Amino acid sequence: MGKSLSEDLRWRIIYCQAEGLTQNEIAKRMYVSESTVYKVCRIFKKWGCVKDPFVGKVEGEKYYQDKICRYWKAWLKKSRWYLDELVHEMEQRIGKLVSIPTLWRSLKFCGITRKKIQKASKERSDILRGVYLYNIGMNYTAEQLIFIDESAKDERTLTRLYGYSSINTRAKKSVVFVRGKRYTILPALSLEGFIAVDIMEGSCDKERFKTFVLTQLVNNLYLYHYLEFFINNIHLFSIRYLK
C-alpha cells in the first residue's frame, strides 16, 4: 500500500464496500489496485479502522528519541568538544563505542549542528543591560541618538576568503600578504545618516578620538538636539567624561 494513499480515500473504499460494490469495481472507481482495496478492507474487518495501528513508529520509540535529543542538547550546551572527544566521553559515560560518522548522524537527527561560538563577556550583567535599555526607551527618542564606532582598512581588507574550484582541487588566488598602510575610519550615525566622519592614517588613539567628538559633534550647532552618544568599545580609549 503506497504512502500517498490518504485516510480519506481509505474510508471511501470502506463506504463503497458497504454499498455492495465488488473489489474490482471499487478499484476502478478509486483508481487504485485491487490488492490495495483488499488490504484496506482486511484492516477494517480486523481492527475497525483503515490504518493498521501496529505499523510505523510507536509512541514509546518517539518518546525515547525525544529524550535522547533533549539529553544531547543539554549536554552539548555546556561543552565545546570535538567529535572524537565526544566519542570518548560517550564511551566513558555509557560504555558504548560508536564511530564519528554515526555520532555525527545522530547529532544531525537531533537538529544539532556545529557553529562558530559567539563570545559573550562574563562581566556582562543582563540586569544592568535591561535597566539601561529601559532608561533609553523611556527618556529618549530615536532622533536624539548618535552611534559612533571605529573601523579600519588596509591592503588585506578586501581579500575574499571563499571561492569555487573543481572537486579535489584547491581554490587559489594571489593576494597581498603585507598589510601596507592602515587607515582608521570614525563615523557617527543617526537616523538622518552619517552626520560626521573622520579618516586618519594609522590607528586612532584617545586624543584623536576626543578631538573628533568635541570638534565635529559637540561643537556643531546642528547637533544640539542630540542628547546621547552610543560609543562602541569606549573602554579602549579610556574616556569617561564625554557624556
Protein backbone atom coordinates (compact mmCIF):
# COMPACT_ATOMS: atom_id res chain seq x y z
CA MET A 1 0.00 0.00 0.00
CA GLY A 2 1.54 3.28 -1.11
CA LYS A 3 2.28 6.03 1.32
CA SER A 4 0.33 8.51 -0.84
CA LEU A 5 -2.97 6.77 -0.04
CA SER A 6 -4.76 9.18 2.29
CA GLU A 7 -7.01 8.19 5.17
CA ASP A 8 -9.98 9.83 3.45
CA LEU A 9 -9.51 7.66 0.37
CA ARG A 10 -9.32 4.54 2.52
CA TRP A 11 -12.63 5.38 4.17
CA ARG A 12 -14.17 5.89 0.73
CA ILE A 13 -13.14 2.33 -0.10
CA ILE A 14 -14.96 1.11 3.01
CA TYR A 15 -18.07 3.14 2.11
CA CYS A 16 -18.10 1.64 -1.40
CA GLN A 17 -17.82 -1.84 0.07
CA ALA A 18 -20.77 -1.08 2.35
CA GLU A 19 -22.79 -0.11 -0.74
CA GLY A 20 -22.27 -3.60 -2.13
CA LEU A 21 -19.60 -2.89 -4.77
CA THR A 22 -17.06 -5.58 -5.58
CA GLN A 23 -13.34 -5.06 -5.06
CA ASN A 24 -12.82 -4.79 -8.83
CA GLU A 25 -15.48 -2.07 -9.12
CA ILE A 26 -14.04 -0.19 -6.13
CA ALA A 27 -10.53 -0.34 -7.63
CA LYS A 28 -11.77 1.11 -10.95
CA ARG A 29 -13.79 3.86 -9.23
CA MET A 30 -10.95 4.92 -6.86
CA TYR A 31 -8.13 4.38 -9.39
CA VAL A 32 -6.24 2.01 -7.09
CA SER A 33 -5.20 -1.61 -7.37
CA GLU A 34 -7.37 -4.50 -6.22
CA SER A 35 -4.68 -5.54 -3.74
CA THR A 36 -4.89 -2.13 -2.12
CA VAL A 37 -8.66 -2.44 -1.80
CA TYR A 38 -8.24 -5.92 -0.31
CA LYS A 39 -5.69 -4.70 2.28
CA VAL A 40 -7.84 -1.75 3.37
CA CYS A 41 -10.91 -3.97 3.75
CA ARG A 42 -8.93 -6.57 5.67
CA ILE A 43 -7.58 -3.96 8.12
CA PHE A 44 -11.08 -2.54 8.65
CA LYS A 45 -12.53 -6.00 9.25
CA LYS A 46 -9.82 -6.89 11.76
CA TRP A 47 -9.29 -3.61 13.66
CA GLY A 48 -12.30 -1.43 12.86
CA CYS A 49 -10.12 1.29 11.32
CA VAL A 50 -8.45 1.91 7.97
CA LYS A 51 -4.84 2.04 9.23
CA ASP A 52 -3.01 -0.77 10.93
CA PRO A 53 -2.37 0.53 14.48
CA PHE A 54 0.78 -1.60 14.81
CA VAL A 55 2.54 -0.35 11.67
CA GLY A 56 5.01 2.54 11.88
CA LYS A 57 6.78 4.16 14.82
CA VAL A 58 5.24 3.53 18.18
CA GLU A 59 4.87 6.23 20.79
CA GLY A 60 7.49 4.66 23.03
CA GLU A 61 10.13 4.92 20.32
CA LYS A 62 9.24 8.55 19.64
CA TYR A 63 9.44 9.34 23.35
CA TYR A 64 12.84 7.65 23.53
CA GLN A 65 14.14 9.66 20.56
CA ASP A 66 12.86 12.93 22.02
CA LYS A 67 14.53 12.09 25.33
CA ILE A 68 17.85 11.40 23.58
CA CYS A 69 17.63 14.71 21.67
CA ARG A 70 16.94 16.66 24.86
CA TYR A 71 19.89 14.93 26.52
CA TRP A 72 22.27 15.83 23.67
CA LYS A 73 21.14 19.46 23.60
CA ALA A 74 21.51 19.85 27.37
CA TRP A 75 24.92 18.13 27.34
CA LEU A 76 26.42 19.99 24.37
CA LYS A 77 25.16 23.34 25.62
CA LYS A 78 27.80 23.26 28.35
CA SER A 79 30.60 21.65 26.35
CA ARG A 80 32.69 22.71 23.36
CA TRP A 81 34.17 19.34 22.40
CA TYR A 82 35.23 17.94 19.05
CA LEU A 83 33.59 14.79 17.71
CA ASP A 84 36.45 12.48 18.73
CA GLU A 85 36.28 13.90 22.26
CA LEU A 86 32.51 13.29 22.31
CA VAL A 87 33.05 9.68 21.23
CA HIS A 88 35.49 9.16 24.10
CA GLU A 89 33.19 10.90 26.62
CA MET A 90 30.24 8.82 25.47
CA GLU A 91 32.25 5.63 25.91
CA GLN A 92 33.23 6.69 29.43
CA ARG A 93 29.67 7.55 30.46
CA ILE A 94 27.53 4.78 29.00
CA GLY A 95 30.11 2.21 27.84
CA LYS A 96 29.12 2.46 24.16
CA LEU A 97 31.78 2.98 21.48
CA VAL A 98 30.42 4.45 18.25
CA SER A 99 32.13 5.82 15.17
CA ILE A 100 32.45 9.52 14.44
CA PRO A 101 30.12 9.32 11.37
CA THR A 102 27.46 7.58 13.49
CA LEU A 103 27.74 10.25 16.17
CA TRP A 104 27.54 13.00 13.54
CA ARG A 105 24.37 11.49 12.03
CA SER A 106 22.82 11.24 15.50
CA LEU A 107 23.51 14.92 16.18
CA LYS A 108 22.10 15.87 12.79
CA PHE A 109 18.96 13.83 13.50
CA CYS A 110 18.51 15.76 16.76
CA GLY A 111 18.85 19.09 14.93
CA ILE A 112 22.28 19.87 16.39
CA THR A 113 24.92 21.44 14.14
CA ARG A 114 28.41 22.80 14.75
CA LYS A 115 28.56 26.59 14.69
CA LYS A 116 31.06 29.32 15.32
CA ILE A 117 30.99 30.23 19.01
CA GLN A 118 29.64 33.66 19.79
CA LYS A 119 31.73 35.11 22.57
CA ALA A 120 29.96 36.88 25.42
CA SER A 121 31.66 38.76 28.22
CA LYS A 122 31.47 37.14 31.66
CA GLU A 123 31.41 40.60 33.23
CA ARG A 124 28.20 41.48 31.39
CA SER A 125 25.13 41.87 33.60
CA ASP A 126 21.78 41.17 31.99
CA ILE A 127 20.03 43.13 34.75
CA LEU A 128 22.10 46.27 34.16
CA ARG A 129 21.64 45.92 30.40
CA GLY A 130 17.88 45.70 30.90
CA VAL A 131 17.85 48.79 33.12
CA TYR A 132 19.97 50.70 30.60
CA LEU A 133 17.69 49.78 27.68
CA TYR A 134 14.63 50.72 29.74
CA ASN A 135 16.17 54.11 30.53
CA ILE A 136 16.94 54.76 26.87
CA GLY A 137 13.47 53.71 25.77
CA MET A 138 11.69 55.86 28.36
CA ASN A 139 13.79 59.04 28.31
CA TYR A 140 15.00 59.37 24.70
CA THR A 141 13.57 59.28 21.19
CA ALA A 142 15.24 57.73 18.18
CA GLU A 143 16.05 61.19 16.74
CA GLN A 144 18.16 62.02 19.84
CA LEU A 145 20.64 59.16 19.45
CA ILE A 146 24.04 59.03 17.75
CA PHE A 147 26.00 55.81 17.25
CA ILE A 148 29.81 56.01 16.98
CA ASP A 149 32.03 53.12 16.00
CA GLU A 150 35.56 52.57 14.74
CA SER A 151 36.56 50.73 11.60
CA ALA A 152 39.88 50.12 9.84
CA LYS A 153 41.10 49.25 6.35
CA ASP A 154 44.42 48.06 4.90
CA GLU A 155 45.61 46.24 1.78
CA ARG A 156 44.25 42.90 3.03
CA THR A 157 40.75 44.05 3.96
CA LEU A 158 39.09 43.30 0.61
CA THR A 159 40.61 39.81 0.30
CA ARG A 160 37.86 37.23 -0.07
CA LEU A 161 38.12 34.05 1.95
CA TYR A 162 35.89 31.74 -0.14
CA GLY A 163 35.92 30.74 -3.82
CA TYR A 164 34.98 27.98 -6.27
CA SER A 165 37.04 25.18 -7.80
CA SER A 166 36.65 21.65 -9.14
CA ILE A 167 36.37 18.66 -6.80
CA ASN A 168 39.67 17.68 -5.14
CA THR A 169 41.37 20.91 -6.22
CA ARG A 170 42.20 24.00 -4.18
CA ALA A 171 40.65 27.38 -4.83
CA LYS A 172 43.77 29.53 -5.18
CA LYS A 173 44.32 33.24 -5.78
CA SER A 174 47.35 35.52 -5.48
CA VAL A 175 46.71 38.05 -2.71
CA VAL A 176 48.69 40.61 -0.77
CA PHE A 177 50.22 39.30 2.47
CA VAL A 178 51.79 42.61 3.55
CA ARG A 179 49.33 44.78 5.43
CA GLY A 180 50.55 48.05 3.93
CA LYS A 181 49.10 51.36 5.08
CA ARG A 182 46.35 51.17 7.66
CA TYR A 183 43.52 53.71 7.68
CA THR A 184 41.08 54.23 10.54
CA ILE A 185 37.54 55.49 10.00
CA LEU A 186 35.42 57.14 12.71
CA PRO A 187 31.79 57.53 11.58
CA ALA A 188 28.86 58.96 13.54
CA LEU A 189 25.47 57.57 12.51
CA SER A 190 21.96 58.85 13.23
CA LEU A 191 18.53 58.40 11.66
CA GLU A 192 19.47 61.08 9.14
CA GLY A 193 22.53 59.13 8.01
CA PHE A 194 26.23 59.76 8.61
CA ILE A 195 26.45 63.20 10.18
CA ALA A 196 30.22 63.22 10.81
CA VAL A 197 33.22 61.17 9.75
CA ASP A 198 36.98 61.28 10.30
CA ILE A 199 39.55 59.29 8.30
CA MET A 200 43.14 59.04 9.50
CA GLU A 201 46.25 57.06 8.65
CA GLY A 202 47.26 54.59 11.34
CA SER A 203 45.35 53.69 14.49
CA CYS A 204 43.11 56.00 16.48
CA ASP A 205 44.23 56.97 19.98
CA LYS A 206 42.43 58.67 22.86
CA GLU A 207 43.36 62.24 21.92
CA ARG A 208 42.34 61.85 18.27
CA PHE A 209 39.02 60.32 19.26
CA LYS A 210 38.37 63.09 21.80
CA THR A 211 39.13 65.72 19.18
CA PHE A 212 36.71 64.09 16.74
CA VAL A 213 33.86 64.09 19.25
CA LEU A 214 34.43 67.60 20.58
CA THR A 215 35.08 69.35 17.25
CA GLN A 216 32.78 67.56 14.82
CA LEU A 217 29.93 66.56 17.12
CA VAL A 218 29.63 68.57 20.32
CA ASN A 219 30.54 71.98 18.86
CA ASN A 220 28.26 71.58 15.87
CA LEU A 221 25.16 73.72 16.44
CA TYR A 222 23.17 71.45 14.14
CA LEU A 223 23.54 68.59 16.59
CA TYR A 224 22.25 70.26 19.75
CA HIS A 225 19.04 68.21 19.71
CA TYR A 226 21.05 65.01 20.02
CA LEU A 227 21.38 64.11 23.68
CA GLU A 228 23.01 60.68 23.84
CA PHE A 229 26.12 59.10 22.26
CA PHE A 230 26.47 55.35 21.85
CA ILE A 231 30.20 54.61 21.58
CA ASN A 232 31.35 51.08 20.83
CA ASN A 233 34.39 49.89 22.84
CA ILE A 234 34.72 53.21 24.65
CA HIS A 235 36.83 51.49 27.32
CA LEU A 236 39.60 51.10 24.75
CA PHE A 237 40.04 54.89 24.69
CA SER A 238 39.79 55.32 28.49
CA ILE A 239 37.34 58.23 28.02
CA ARG A 240 34.86 58.71 30.83
CA TYR A 241 33.94 62.39 30.64
CA LEU A 242 32.42 62.70 27.15
CA LYS A 243 28.84 62.48 28.45
